PDB file of N, CA and C in Angstrom:
ATOM      1  N   UNK A   1     158.960  21.712 187.137  1.00  0.00           N
ATOM      2  CA  UNK A   1     159.449  22.297 186.163  1.00  0.00           C
ATOM      3  C   UNK A   1     161.226  22.158 185.728  1.00  0.00           C
ATOM      4  N   UNK A   2     161.245  22.609 184.654  1.00  0.00           N
ATOM      5  CA  UNK A   2     162.520  22.213 184.296  1.00  0.00           C
ATOM      6  C   UNK A   2     163.424  23.315 184.159  1.00  0.00           C
ATOM      7  N   UNK A   3     164.462  22.962 184.209  1.00  0.00           N
ATOM      8  CA  UNK A   3     165.697  24.348 184.353  1.00  0.00           C
ATOM      9  C   UNK A   3     166.342  24.422 182.893  1.00  0.00           C
ATOM     10  N   UNK A   4     166.047  25.364 181.959  1.00  0.00           N
ATOM     11  CA  UNK A   4     166.892  25.743 180.853  1.00  0.00           C
ATOM     12  C   UNK A   4     168.058  26.228 180.981  1.00  0.00           C
ATOM     13  N   UNK A   5     169.127  25.741 180.481  1.00  0.00           N
ATOM     14  CA  UNK A   5     170.532  26.268 180.833  1.00  0.00           C
ATOM     15  C   UNK A   5     170.617  26.786 179.703  1.00  0.00           C
ATOM     16  N   UNK A   6     171.210  27.919 179.687  1.00  0.00           N
ATOM     17  CA  UNK A   6     171.376  28.359 178.086  1.00  0.00           C
ATOM     18  C   UNK A   6     173.251  28.491 178.167  1.00  0.00           C
ATOM     19  N   UNK A   7     174.157  28.081 177.208  1.00  0.00           N
ATOM     20  CA  UNK A   7     175.191  28.203 177.196  1.00  0.00           C
ATOM     21  C   UNK A   7     175.472  29.490 176.137  1.00  0.00           C
ATOM     22  N   UNK A   8     176.396  29.794 176.558  1.00  0.00           N
ATOM     23  CA  UNK A   8     176.882  31.537 175.729  1.00  0.00           C
ATOM     24  C   UNK A   8     178.165  31.267 175.387  1.00  0.00           C
ATOM     25  N   UNK A   9     178.216  31.245 173.768  1.00  0.00           N
ATOM     26  CA  UNK A   9     179.883  30.774 173.093  1.00  0.00           C
ATOM     27  C   UNK A   9     180.713  31.818 173.392  1.00  0.00           C
ATOM     28  N   UNK A  10     181.765  31.691 174.192  1.00  0.00           N
ATOM     29  CA  UNK A  10     182.703  32.794 174.194  1.00  0.00           C
ATOM     30  C   UNK A  10     183.606  32.848 172.963  1.00  0.00           C
ATOM     31  N   UNK A  11     183.627  34.005 172.703  1.00  0.00           N
ATOM     32  CA  UNK A  11     184.328  34.483 171.257  1.00  0.00           C
ATOM     33  C   UNK A  11     186.029  34.571 171.880  1.00  0.00           C
ATOM     34  N   UNK A  12     186.803  33.584 171.074  1.00  0.00           N
ATOM     35  CA  UNK A  12     188.182  33.651 171.946  1.00  0.00           C
ATOM     36  C   UNK A  12     189.225  34.914 171.399  1.00  0.00           C
ATOM     37  N   UNK A  13     190.158  35.334 171.469  1.00  0.00           N
ATOM     38  CA  UNK A  13     190.919  36.225 171.083  1.00  0.00           C
ATOM     39  C   UNK A  13     191.537  35.651 169.872  1.00  0.00           C
ATOM     40  N   UNK A  14     191.600  34.409 169.420  1.00  0.00           N
ATOM     41  CA  UNK A  14     192.092  33.858 168.200  1.00  0.00           C
ATOM     42  C   UNK A  14     191.055  33.960 166.906  1.00  0.00           C
ATOM     43  N   UNK A  15     189.836  34.038 167.179  1.00  0.00           N
ATOM     44  CA  UNK A  15     188.855  33.939 166.512  1.00  0.00           C
ATOM     45  C   UNK A  15     188.887  35.760 166.342  1.00  0.00           C
ATOM     46  N   UNK A  16     188.915  36.931 166.936  1.00  0.00           N
ATOM     47  CA  UNK A  16     188.784  38.017 167.060  1.00  0.00           C
ATOM     48  C   UNK A  16     190.098  38.481 165.858  1.00  0.00           C
ATOM     49  N   UNK A  17     190.927  37.893 165.856  1.00  0.00           N
ATOM     50  CA  UNK A  17     192.177  38.334 165.257  1.00  0.00           C
ATOM     51  C   UNK A  17     191.961  37.881 163.757  1.00  0.00           C
ATOM     52  N   UNK A  18     191.225  36.385 163.684  1.00  0.00           N
ATOM     53  CA  UNK A  18     191.146  35.865 162.402  1.00  0.00           C
ATOM     54  C   UNK A  18     189.958  36.938 161.523  1.00  0.00           C
ATOM     55  N   UNK A  19     189.220  37.455 162.189  1.00  0.00           N
ATOM     56  CA  UNK A  19     188.095  38.355 161.756  1.00  0.00           C
ATOM     57  C   UNK A  19     188.151  39.451 161.284  1.00  0.00           C
ATOM     58  N   UNK A  20     189.303  40.120 162.177  1.00  0.00           N
ATOM     59  CA  UNK A  20     189.750  41.287 162.042  1.00  0.00           C
ATOM     60  C   UNK A  20     190.747  40.925 160.534  1.00  0.00           C
ATOM     61  N   UNK A  21     191.436  39.786 160.423  1.00  0.00           N
ATOM     62  CA  UNK A  21     191.943  40.093 159.551  1.00  0.00           C
ATOM     63  C   UNK A  21     191.415  39.700 157.930  1.00  0.00           C
ATOM     64  N   UNK A  22     190.238  38.999 157.963  1.00  0.00           N
ATOM     65  CA  UNK A  22     189.465  38.875 156.874  1.00  0.00           C
ATOM     66  C   UNK A  22     188.906  40.349 156.601  1.00  0.00           C
ATOM     67  N   UNK A  23     188.559  41.044 157.318  1.00  0.00           N
ATOM     68  CA  UNK A  23     188.121  42.666 157.071  1.00  0.00           C
ATOM     69  C   UNK A  23     189.462  43.529 156.573  1.00  0.00           C
ATOM     70  N   UNK A  24     190.325  43.428 157.286  1.00  0.00           N
ATOM     71  CA  UNK A  24     191.625  44.177 156.564  1.00  0.00           C
ATOM     72  C   UNK A  24     191.821  43.695 155.550  1.00  0.00           C
ATOM     73  N   UNK A  25     191.554  42.280 155.034  1.00  0.00           N
ATOM     74  CA  UNK A  25     192.101  41.677 153.760  1.00  0.00           C
ATOM     75  C   UNK A  25     191.090  42.499 152.608  1.00  0.00           C
ATOM     76  N   UNK A  26     190.036  43.074 153.048  1.00  0.00           N
ATOM     77  CA  UNK A  26     189.150  43.363 152.092  1.00  0.00           C
ATOM     78  C   UNK A  26     189.298  44.622 152.174  1.00  0.00           C
ATOM     79  N   UNK A  27     189.633  45.383 153.363  1.00  0.00           N
ATOM     80  CA  UNK A  27     190.090  46.877 152.747  1.00  0.00           C
ATOM     81  C   UNK A  27     191.388  47.111 152.050  1.00  0.00           C
ATOM     82  N   UNK A  28     192.150  46.174 152.256  1.00  0.00           N
ATOM     83  CA  UNK A  28     193.301  45.950 151.497  1.00  0.00           C
ATOM     84  C   UNK A  28     193.410  46.068 150.127  1.00  0.00           C
ATOM     85  N   UNK A  29     192.250  45.637 149.350  1.00  0.00           N
ATOM     86  CA  UNK A  29     192.129  46.028 147.978  1.00  0.00           C
ATOM     87  C   UNK A  29     191.848  47.348 147.414  1.00  0.00           C
ATOM     88  N   UNK A  30     191.377  48.124 148.594  1.00  0.00           N
ATOM     89  CA  UNK A  30     191.020  49.446 148.005  1.00  0.00           C
ATOM     90  C   UNK A  30     191.661  50.859 148.666  1.00  0.00           C
ATOM     91  N   UNK A  31     192.094  50.232 150.037  1.00  0.00           N
ATOM     92  CA  UNK A  31     192.660  51.335 150.549  1.00  0.00           C
ATOM     93  C   UNK A  31     194.051  51.065 150.969  1.00  0.00           C
ATOM     94  N   UNK A  32     194.917  51.620 150.608  1.00  0.00           N
ATOM     95  CA  UNK A  32     196.613  51.542 151.338  1.00  0.00           C
ATOM     96  C   UNK A  32     196.844  49.883 151.104  1.00  0.00           C
ATOM     97  N   UNK A  33     196.614  49.185 149.998  1.00  0.00           N
ATOM     98  CA  UNK A  33     196.805  47.677 150.441  1.00  0.00           C
ATOM     99  C   UNK A  33     198.275  46.923 150.982  1.00  0.00           C
ATOM    100  N   UNK A  34     199.371  47.733 150.770  1.00  0.00           N
ATOM    101  CA  UNK A  34     200.621  47.236 151.767  1.00  0.00           C
ATOM    102  C   UNK A  34     200.265  47.098 153.229  1.00  0.00           C
ATOM    103  N   UNK A  35     200.026  48.393 153.670  1.00  0.00           N
ATOM    104  CA  UNK A  35     199.774  48.402 155.042  1.00  0.00           C
ATOM    105  C   UNK A  35     198.730  47.349 155.559  1.00  0.00           C
ATOM    106  N   UNK A  36     197.458  47.516 155.067  1.00  0.00           N
ATOM    107  CA  UNK A  36     195.970  46.785 155.497  1.00  0.00           C
ATOM    108  C   UNK A  36     196.489  44.931 155.114  1.00  0.00           C
ATOM    109  N   UNK A  37     197.033  44.966 154.042  1.00  0.00           N
ATOM    110  CA  UNK A  37     197.381  43.692 153.547  1.00  0.00           C
ATOM    111  C   UNK A  37     198.569  42.758 154.513  1.00  0.00           C
ATOM    112  N   UNK A  38     199.408  43.674 154.915  1.00  0.00           N
ATOM    113  CA  UNK A  38     200.259  42.977 155.719  1.00  0.00           C
ATOM    114  C   UNK A  38     199.825  42.914 157.158  1.00  0.00           C
ATOM    115  N   UNK A  39     198.774  43.675 157.813  1.00  0.00           N
ATOM    116  CA  UNK A  39     197.935  43.503 158.828  1.00  0.00           C
ATOM    117  C   UNK A  39     197.659  42.667 159.134  1.00  0.00           C
ATOM    118  N   UNK A  40     196.743  42.283 157.689  1.00  0.00           N
ATOM    119  CA  UNK A  40     195.931  41.056 157.819  1.00  0.00           C
ATOM    120  C   UNK A  40     196.786  39.809 157.829  1.00  0.00           C
ATOM    121  N   UNK A  41     197.978  39.803 157.048  1.00  0.00           N
ATOM    122  CA  UNK A  41     198.778  38.714 157.458  1.00  0.00           C
ATOM    123  C   UNK A  41     199.351  38.412 158.655  1.00  0.00           C
ATOM    124  N   UNK A  42     199.466  39.094 159.104  1.00  0.00           N
ATOM    125  CA  UNK A  42     200.215  39.295 160.561  1.00  0.00           C
ATOM    126  C   UNK A  42     198.789  38.681 161.779  1.00  0.00           C
ATOM    127  N   UNK A  43     197.762  39.223 161.443  1.00  0.00           N
ATOM    128  CA  UNK A  43     196.649  38.588 162.453  1.00  0.00           C
ATOM    129  C   UNK A  43     195.987  37.580 161.822  1.00  0.00           C
ATOM    130  N   UNK A  44     196.225  36.805 160.703  1.00  0.00           N
ATOM    131  CA  UNK A  44     195.583  35.575 160.480  1.00  0.00           C
ATOM    132  C   UNK A  44     196.710  34.698 160.947  1.00  0.00           C
ATOM    133  N   UNK A  45     198.089  35.268 160.911  1.00  0.00           N
ATOM    134  CA  UNK A  45     199.286  34.197 161.550  1.00  0.00           C
ATOM    135  C   UNK A  45     198.692  33.881 162.887  1.00  0.00           C
ATOM    136  N   UNK A  46     198.470  35.244 163.779  1.00  0.00           N
ATOM    137  CA  UNK A  46     198.460  35.146 165.031  1.00  0.00           C
ATOM    138  C   UNK A  46     197.251  34.534 165.580  1.00  0.00           C
ATOM    139  N   UNK A  47     195.973  34.234 164.682  1.00  0.00           N
ATOM    140  CA  UNK A  47     195.003  33.523 164.898  1.00  0.00           C
ATOM    141  C   UNK A  47     194.961  32.441 164.799  1.00  0.00           C
ATOM    142  N   UNK A  48     195.857  31.899 163.558  1.00  0.00           N
ATOM    143  CA  UNK A  48     196.209  30.349 163.392  1.00  0.00           C
ATOM    144  C   UNK A  48     196.936  29.778 164.561  1.00  0.00           C
ATOM    145  N   UNK A  49     197.979  30.498 164.815  1.00  0.00           N
ATOM    146  CA  UNK A  49     198.909  30.039 165.650  1.00  0.00           C
ATOM    147  C   UNK A  49     198.078  30.108 167.336  1.00  0.00           C
ATOM    148  N   UNK A  50     197.246  30.802 167.496  1.00  0.00           N
ATOM    149  CA  UNK A  50     196.491  31.016 168.772  1.00  0.00           C
ATOM    150  C   UNK A  50     195.737  29.638 168.785  1.00  0.00           C
ATOM    151  N   UNK A  51     195.279  28.982 167.744  1.00  0.00           N
ATOM    152  CA  UNK A  51     194.293  27.815 167.886  1.00  0.00           C
ATOM    153  C   UNK A  51     193.218  27.980 166.762  1.00  0.00           C
ATOM    154  N   UNK A  52     192.947  29.204 165.981  1.00  0.00           N
ATOM    155  CA  UNK A  52     191.666  29.204 164.915  1.00  0.00           C
ATOM    156  C   UNK A  52     192.270  28.388 163.543  1.00  0.00           C
ATOM    157  N   UNK A  53     192.887  27.301 163.551  1.00  0.00           N
ATOM    158  CA  UNK A  53     193.369  26.645 162.387  1.00  0.00           C
ATOM    159  C   UNK A  53     192.161  26.088 161.584  1.00  0.00           C
ATOM    160  N   UNK A  54     191.786  26.040 160.672  1.00  0.00           N
ATOM    161  CA  UNK A  54     192.383  26.533 159.445  1.00  0.00           C
ATOM    162  C   UNK A  54     191.996  27.739 159.101  1.00  0.00           C
ATOM    163  N   UNK A  55     191.048  28.350 159.731  1.00  0.00           N
ATOM    164  CA  UNK A  55     190.632  29.845 159.515  1.00  0.00           C
ATOM    165  C   UNK A  55     191.484  31.167 159.359  1.00  0.00           C
ATOM    166  N   UNK A  56     192.317  30.842 160.628  1.00  0.00           N
ATOM    167  CA  UNK A  56     193.449  31.611 160.543  1.00  0.00           C
ATOM    168  C   UNK A  56     194.515  31.853 159.374  1.00  0.00           C
ATOM    169  N   UNK A  57     194.785  30.544 158.778  1.00  0.00           N
ATOM    170  CA  UNK A  57     195.659  30.279 157.880  1.00  0.00           C
ATOM    171  C   UNK A  57     195.028  30.698 156.504  1.00  0.00           C
ATOM    172  N   UNK A  58     193.516  30.362 156.590  1.00  0.00           N
ATOM    173  CA  UNK A  58     193.098  31.260 155.329  1.00  0.00           C
ATOM    174  C   UNK A  58     193.173  32.700 155.240  1.00  0.00           C
ATOM    175  N   UNK A  59     192.687  33.262 156.501  1.00  0.00           N
ATOM    176  CA  UNK A  59     192.589  34.730 156.657  1.00  0.00           C
ATOM    177  C   UNK A  59     193.978  35.242 156.310  1.00  0.00           C
ATOM    178  N   UNK A  60     195.248  34.659 156.630  1.00  0.00           N
ATOM    179  CA  UNK A  60     196.671  35.074 156.197  1.00  0.00           C
ATOM    180  C   UNK A  60     196.960  35.014 154.995  1.00  0.00           C
ATOM    181  N   UNK A  61     196.155  33.979 154.135  1.00  0.00           N
ATOM    182  CA  UNK A  61     196.185  33.808 152.683  1.00  0.00           C
ATOM    183  C   UNK A  61     195.730  35.024 152.112  1.00  0.00           C
ATOM    184  N   UNK A  62     194.183  35.175 152.415  1.00  0.00           N
ATOM    185  CA  UNK A  62     193.646  36.553 151.947  1.00  0.00           C
ATOM    186  C   UNK A  62     193.729  37.632 152.319  1.00  0.00           C
ATOM    187  N   UNK A  63     195.097  37.906 153.286  1.00  0.00           N
ATOM    188  CA  UNK A  63     195.400  39.123 153.349  1.00  0.00           C
ATOM    189  C   UNK A  63     196.504  39.400 152.289  1.00  0.00           C
ATOM    190  N   UNK A  64     197.324  38.209 151.892  1.00  0.00           N
ATOM    191  CA  UNK A  64     198.365  38.519 151.158  1.00  0.00           C
ATOM    192  C   UNK A  64     197.569  38.641 149.548  1.00  0.00           C
ATOM    193  N   UNK A  65     196.783  37.994 149.690  1.00  0.00           N
ATOM    194  CA  UNK A  65     196.138  38.313 148.381  1.00  0.00           C
ATOM    195  C   UNK A  65     195.033  39.433 147.945  1.00  0.00           C
ATOM    196  N   UNK A  66     194.642  40.410 149.305  1.00  0.00           N
ATOM    197  CA  UNK A  66     194.333  41.526 148.885  1.00  0.00           C
ATOM    198  C   UNK A  66     195.177  42.436 149.067  1.00  0.00           C
ATOM    199  N   UNK A  67     196.203  42.356 149.550  1.00  0.00           N
ATOM    200  CA  UNK A  67     197.459  43.338 149.204  1.00  0.00           C
ATOM    201  C   UNK A  67     197.950  43.486 147.537  1.00  0.00           C
ATOM    202  N   UNK A  68     198.051  42.339 146.875  1.00  0.00           N
ATOM    203  CA  UNK A  68     198.661  42.040 145.826  1.00  0.00           C
ATOM    204  C   UNK A  68     197.682  42.661 145.345  1.00  0.00           C
ATOM    205  N   UNK A  69     195.755  42.040 145.337  1.00  0.00           N
ATOM    206  CA  UNK A  69     195.601  42.987 144.083  1.00  0.00           C
ATOM    207  C   UNK A  69     194.779  44.043 144.252  1.00  0.00           C
ATOM    208  N   UNK A  70     194.983  44.481 145.529  1.00  0.00           N
ATOM    209  CA  UNK A  70     195.048  46.340 145.826  1.00  0.00           C
ATOM    210  C   UNK A  70     195.932  47.048 144.767  1.00  0.00           C
ATOM    211  N   UNK A  71     197.515  46.304 145.135  1.00  0.00           N
ATOM    212  CA  UNK A  71     198.780  47.291 144.617  1.00  0.00           C
ATOM    213  C   UNK A  71     198.148  47.173 143.065  1.00  0.00           C
ATOM    214  N   UNK A  72     198.004  45.681 142.488  1.00  0.00           N
ATOM    215  CA  UNK A  72     198.061  45.748 140.904  1.00  0.00           C
ATOM    216  C   UNK A  72     196.859  46.329 140.656  1.00  0.00           C
ATOM    217  N   UNK A  73     195.945  46.523 141.242  1.00  0.00           N
ATOM    218  CA  UNK A  73     194.689  47.210 140.700  1.00  0.00           C
ATOM    219  C   UNK A  73     195.122  49.032 141.270  1.00  0.00           C
ATOM    220  N   UNK A  74     195.741  49.336 141.682  1.00  0.00           N
ATOM    221  CA  UNK A  74     196.128  50.951 141.524  1.00  0.00           C
ATOM    222  C   UNK A  74     197.028  51.356 140.840  1.00  0.00           C
ATOM    223  N   UNK A  75     198.000  50.060 140.525  1.00  0.00           N
ATOM    224  CA  UNK A  75     199.084  50.322 139.345  1.00  0.00           C
ATOM    225  C   UNK A  75     198.278  50.437 137.980  1.00  0.00           C
ATOM    226  N   UNK A  76     197.146  49.681 137.917  1.00  0.00           N
ATOM    227  CA  UNK A  76     196.366  49.833 136.537  1.00  0.00           C
ATOM    228  C   UNK A  76     195.621  51.426 136.523  1.00  0.00           C
ATOM    229  N   UNK A  77     195.094  51.339 137.717  1.00  0.00           N
ATOM    230  CA  UNK A  77     194.147  52.677 137.700  1.00  0.00           C
ATOM    231  C   UNK A  77     195.556  54.002 137.495  1.00  0.00           C
ATOM    232  N   UNK A  78     196.471  53.789 138.124  1.00  0.00           N
ATOM    233  CA  UNK A  78     197.435  55.440 137.884  1.00  0.00           C
ATOM    234  C   UNK A  78     197.965  55.318 136.587  1.00  0.00           C
ATOM    235  N   UNK A  79     198.182  54.110 135.985  1.00  0.00           N
ATOM    236  CA  UNK A  79     198.654  53.673 134.581  1.00  0.00           C
ATOM    237  C   UNK A  79     197.699  54.437 133.442  1.00  0.00           C
ATOM    238  N   UNK A  80     196.585  53.841 133.607  1.00  0.00           N
ATOM    239  CA  UNK A  80     195.455  54.307 132.973  1.00  0.00           C
ATOM    240  C   UNK A  80     195.179  55.885 132.891  1.00  0.00           C
ATOM    241  N   UNK A  81     195.619  56.471 134.098  1.00  0.00           N
ATOM    242  CA  UNK A  81     194.945  58.054 134.149  1.00  0.00           C
ATOM    243  C   UNK A  81     196.128  58.652 133.162  1.00  0.00           C
ATOM    244  N   UNK A  82     197.507  58.075 133.199  1.00  0.00           N
ATOM    245  CA  UNK A  82     198.544  58.788 132.545  1.00  0.00           C
ATOM    246  C   UNK A  82     198.344  58.716 131.088  1.00  0.00           C
TER     247      UNK A  82
END
């Protein structure tokens, strides 16, 4: 009889920060872009420094992009309403 071993991959804190950063970057496009974009930037940097490179850096860049796109989009919507 052979023994089957299963390995369970543990999710590190760096990966959790990176995933949250991507989620916050997407939310920043539609809701409170300054707050969620900044949170995504910080979480992406933390994920990158804790060891989830290069994905953490990409998440930080996505946070900045999401924040900027959200601000521009809200300015366009508010300008069109007037």
